[in-house]
């Protein structure tokens, strides 16, 4: 059953929960943007110029396996197609390439699956 969100006009655009994904009942999703940085220092060691380059985003998600396609079929080195919004914060467009996957099984629990990937805006 979907959650009921009650909010004031000051919180009219809040988001609750995760977007449904194929092959997994998602528990957590994170999207972290970053860029590498180069600095130029003068003879006193003071920074006089800085450049941010090579934008990427790190994507992590995990949940309970629910099928064999979509996220459940993720493999290192392969592009990952997601239903979740994975743009913004300086990174738009591009592809998410899977870096690693972790499948966890226990004797008294459901099989879980975690995926780590990197989004490259020009791929």
C-alpha atoms as a PDB file:
ATOM      1  CA  UNK A   1       0.000   0.000   0.000  1.00  0.00           C
ATOM      2  CA  UNK A   2       1.328   3.401  -0.922  1.00  0.00           C
ATOM      3  CA  UNK A   3       2.214   5.825   1.845  1.00  0.00           C
ATOM      4  CA  UNK A   4       0.015   8.827   2.531  1.00  0.00           C
ATOM      5  CA  UNK A   5       2.047  12.007   2.807  1.00  0.00           C
ATOM      6  CA  UNK A   6       0.513  14.992   4.560  1.00  0.00           C
ATOM      7  CA  UNK A   7       2.527  18.195   4.343  1.00  0.00           C
ATOM      8  CA  UNK A   8       2.233  21.948   4.558  1.00  0.00           C
ATOM      9  CA  UNK A   9       2.589  24.242   1.566  1.00  0.00           C
ATOM     10  CA  UNK A  10       6.196  24.820   2.671  1.00  0.00           C
ATOM     11  CA  UNK A  11       6.888  21.126   2.015  1.00  0.00           C
ATOM     12  CA  UNK A  12       4.748  20.663  -1.107  1.00  0.00           C
ATOM     13  CA  UNK A  13       7.523  18.938  -3.107  1.00  0.00           C
ATOM     14  CA  UNK A  14       8.847  16.446  -0.547  1.00  0.00           C
ATOM     15  CA  UNK A  15       9.569  12.932  -1.798  1.00  0.00           C
ATOM     16  CA  UNK A  16       8.851   9.831   0.269  1.00  0.00           C
ATOM     17  CA  UNK A  17      10.248   6.396  -0.549  1.00  0.00           C
ATOM     18  CA  UNK A  18      12.137   5.075  -3.573  1.00  0.00           C
ATOM     19  CA  UNK A  19      11.131   4.716  -7.207  1.00  0.00           C
ATOM     20  CA  UNK A  20      10.192   1.124  -8.104  1.00  0.00           C
ATOM     21  CA  UNK A  21      12.900  -0.745 -10.023  1.00  0.00           C
ATOM     22  CA  UNK A  22      12.634  -3.869 -12.174  1.00  0.00           C
ATOM     23  CA  UNK A  23      14.136  -7.022 -10.601  1.00  0.00           C
ATOM     24  CA  UNK A  24      14.487  -5.663  -7.061  1.00  0.00           C
ATOM     25  CA  UNK A  25      12.309  -4.405  -4.236  1.00  0.00           C
ATOM     26  CA  UNK A  26      14.462  -1.418  -3.451  1.00  0.00           C
ATOM     27  CA  UNK A  27      15.345  -0.470   0.122  1.00  0.00           C
ATOM     28  CA  UNK A  28      18.007   2.216  -0.373  1.00  0.00           C
ATOM     29  CA  UNK A  29      19.166   4.429  -3.236  1.00  0.00           C
ATOM     30  CA  UNK A  30      21.921   7.053  -3.157  1.00  0.00           C
ATOM     31  CA  UNK A  31      23.313   9.398  -5.806  1.00  0.00           C
ATOM     32  CA  UNK A  32      26.548  11.250  -5.028  1.00  0.00           C
ATOM     33  CA  UNK A  33      28.111  13.707  -7.483  1.00  0.00           C
ATOM     34  CA  UNK A  34      31.784  14.593  -7.525  1.00  0.00           C
ATOM     35  CA  UNK A  35      34.540  16.112  -9.658  1.00  0.00           C
ATOM     36  CA  UNK A  36      38.290  15.864  -9.485  1.00  0.00           C
ATOM     37  CA  UNK A  37      40.107  19.043  -8.510  1.00  0.00           C
ATOM     38  CA  UNK A  38      43.418  20.626  -9.538  1.00  0.00           C
ATOM     39  CA  UNK A  39      44.889  23.598  -7.696  1.00  0.00           C
ATOM     40  CA  UNK A  40      47.629  26.066  -8.624  1.00  0.00           C
ATOM     41  CA  UNK A  41      49.655  27.501  -5.749  1.00  0.00           C
ATOM     42  CA  UNK A  42      51.960  30.478  -5.736  1.00  0.00           C
ATOM     43  CA  UNK A  43      55.421  30.611  -4.164  1.00  0.00           C
ATOM     44  CA  UNK A  44      53.860  31.100  -0.695  1.00  0.00           C
ATOM     45  CA  UNK A  45      51.660  28.026  -0.983  1.00  0.00           C
ATOM     46  CA  UNK A  46      48.449  30.014  -1.411  1.00  0.00           C
ATOM     47  CA  UNK A  47      45.890  28.667  -3.886  1.00  0.00           C
ATOM     48  CA  UNK A  48      45.547  31.145  -6.746  1.00  0.00           C
ATOM     49  CA  UNK A  49      43.532  29.045  -9.200  1.00  0.00           C
ATOM     50  CA  UNK A  50      41.379  25.950  -9.039  1.00  0.00           C
ATOM     51  CA  UNK A  51      39.781  23.737 -11.664  1.00  0.00           C
ATOM     52  CA  UNK A  52      37.072  21.109 -11.184  1.00  0.00           C
ATOM     53  CA  UNK A  53      36.954  18.526 -13.960  1.00  0.00           C
ATOM     54  CA  UNK A  54      35.933  14.937 -14.752  1.00  0.00           C
ATOM     55  CA  UNK A  55      32.362  15.032 -13.409  1.00  0.00           C
ATOM     56  CA  UNK A  56      30.914  11.689 -12.304  1.00  0.00           C
ATOM     57  CA  UNK A  57      28.208  10.438  -9.995  1.00  0.00           C
ATOM     58  CA  UNK A  58      28.368   7.389  -7.746  1.00  0.00           C
ATOM     59  CA  UNK A  59      25.151   5.406  -7.516  1.00  0.00           C
ATOM     60  CA  UNK A  60      24.401   2.822  -4.832  1.00  0.00           C
ATOM     61  CA  UNK A  61      21.236   0.821  -4.371  1.00  0.00           C
ATOM     62  CA  UNK A  62      20.155  -2.304  -2.565  1.00  0.00           C
ATOM     63  CA  UNK A  63      17.052  -4.341  -1.891  1.00  0.00           C
ATOM     64  CA  UNK A  64      15.415  -7.751  -2.094  1.00  0.00           C
ATOM     65  CA  UNK A  65      15.761  -9.649  -5.380  1.00  0.00           C
ATOM     66  CA  UNK A  66      12.428  -9.839  -7.210  1.00  0.00           C
ATOM     67  CA  UNK A  67      13.107 -11.445 -10.601  1.00  0.00           C
ATOM     68  CA  UNK A  68      16.017 -11.981 -12.964  1.00  0.00           C
ATOM     69  CA  UNK A  69      15.879  -8.876 -15.177  1.00  0.00           C
ATOM     70  CA  UNK A  70      16.536  -5.181 -14.624  1.00  0.00           C
ATOM     71  CA  UNK A  71      18.659  -4.418 -11.560  1.00  0.00           C
ATOM     72  CA  UNK A  72      18.790  -8.142 -10.645  1.00  0.00           C
ATOM     73  CA  UNK A  73      20.735  -8.774 -13.882  1.00  0.00           C
ATOM     74  CA  UNK A  74      23.375  -6.089 -13.181  1.00  0.00           C
ATOM     75  CA  UNK A  75      27.001  -7.106 -13.760  1.00  0.00           C
ATOM     76  CA  UNK A  76      30.320  -5.228 -13.480  1.00  0.00           C
ATOM     77  CA  UNK A  77      31.286  -3.386 -16.658  1.00  0.00           C
ATOM     78  CA  UNK A  78      27.734  -3.333 -18.026  1.00  0.00           C
ATOM     79  CA  UNK A  79      25.461  -0.298 -18.415  1.00  0.00           C
ATOM     80  CA  UNK A  80      22.597  -0.243 -15.905  1.00  0.00           C
ATOM     81  CA  UNK A  81      19.143   0.996 -16.854  1.00  0.00           C
ATOM     82  CA  UNK A  82      17.292   2.540 -13.908  1.00  0.00           C
ATOM     83  CA  UNK A  83      13.766   3.849 -13.417  1.00  0.00           C
ATOM     84  CA  UNK A  84      14.996   6.225 -10.683  1.00  0.00           C
ATOM     85  CA  UNK A  85      15.910   9.762 -11.602  1.00  0.00           C
ATOM     86  CA  UNK A  86      19.693   9.751 -11.836  1.00  0.00           C
ATOM     87  CA  UNK A  87      20.363  13.258 -13.080  1.00  0.00           C
ATOM     88  CA  UNK A  88      20.965  16.602 -11.502  1.00  0.00           C
ATOM     89  CA  UNK A  89      23.377  18.229  -9.110  1.00  0.00           C
ATOM     90  CA  UNK A  90      25.718  19.055 -11.983  1.00  0.00           C
ATOM     91  CA  UNK A  91      25.454  15.736 -13.857  1.00  0.00           C
ATOM     92  CA  UNK A  92      22.879  15.245 -16.620  1.00  0.00           C
ATOM     93  CA  UNK A  93      22.616  12.619 -19.334  1.00  0.00           C
ATOM     94  CA  UNK A  94      25.081   9.809 -19.763  1.00  0.00           C
ATOM     95  CA  UNK A  95      25.208   6.192 -18.637  1.00  0.00           C
ATOM     96  CA  UNK A  96      25.597   4.328 -15.359  1.00  0.00           C
ATOM     97  CA  UNK A  97      28.264   1.617 -15.570  1.00  0.00           C
ATOM     98  CA  UNK A  98      28.181  -1.062 -12.862  1.00  0.00           C
ATOM     99  CA  UNK A  99      31.352  -1.215 -10.745  1.00  0.00           C
ATOM    100  CA  UNK A 100      30.349  -4.044  -8.392  1.00  0.00           C
ATOM    101  CA  UNK A 101      27.447  -6.176  -7.200  1.00  0.00           C
ATOM    102  CA  UNK A 102      26.882  -8.049  -3.933  1.00  0.00           C
ATOM    103  CA  UNK A 103      24.352 -10.848  -3.488  1.00  0.00           C
ATOM    104  CA  UNK A 104      23.614 -11.837   0.124  1.00  0.00           C
ATOM    105  CA  UNK A 105      21.700 -14.919   1.238  1.00  0.00           C
ATOM    106  CA  UNK A 106      20.928 -16.028   4.787  1.00  0.00           C
ATOM    107  CA  UNK A 107      19.206 -19.095   6.218  1.00  0.00           C
ATOM    108  CA  UNK A 108      16.349 -17.035   7.655  1.00  0.00           C
ATOM    109  CA  UNK A 109      15.960 -14.118   5.285  1.00  0.00           C
ATOM    110  CA  UNK A 110      15.295 -13.016   1.743  1.00  0.00           C
ATOM    111  CA  UNK A 111      18.070 -12.800  -0.817  1.00  0.00           C
ATOM    112  CA  UNK A 112      19.318  -9.231  -1.092  1.00  0.00           C
ATOM    113  CA  UNK A 113      21.276  -7.574  -3.866  1.00  0.00           C
ATOM    114  CA  UNK A 114      23.397  -4.414  -3.875  1.00  0.00           C
ATOM    115  CA  UNK A 115      24.784  -2.516  -6.856  1.00  0.00           C
ATOM    116  CA  UNK A 116      27.491   0.180  -6.991  1.00  0.00           C
ATOM    117  CA  UNK A 117      27.967   2.111 -10.212  1.00  0.00           C
ATOM    118  CA  UNK A 118      29.465   5.232 -11.736  1.00  0.00           C
ATOM    119  CA  UNK A 119      27.555   7.610 -13.997  1.00  0.00           C
ATOM    120  CA  UNK A 120      29.592   9.161 -16.793  1.00  0.00           C
ATOM    121  CA  UNK A 121      27.771  12.162 -18.321  1.00  0.00           C
ATOM    122  CA  UNK A 122      29.240  11.802 -21.838  1.00  0.00           C
ATOM    123  CA  UNK A 123      28.857   8.025 -22.323  1.00  0.00           C
END
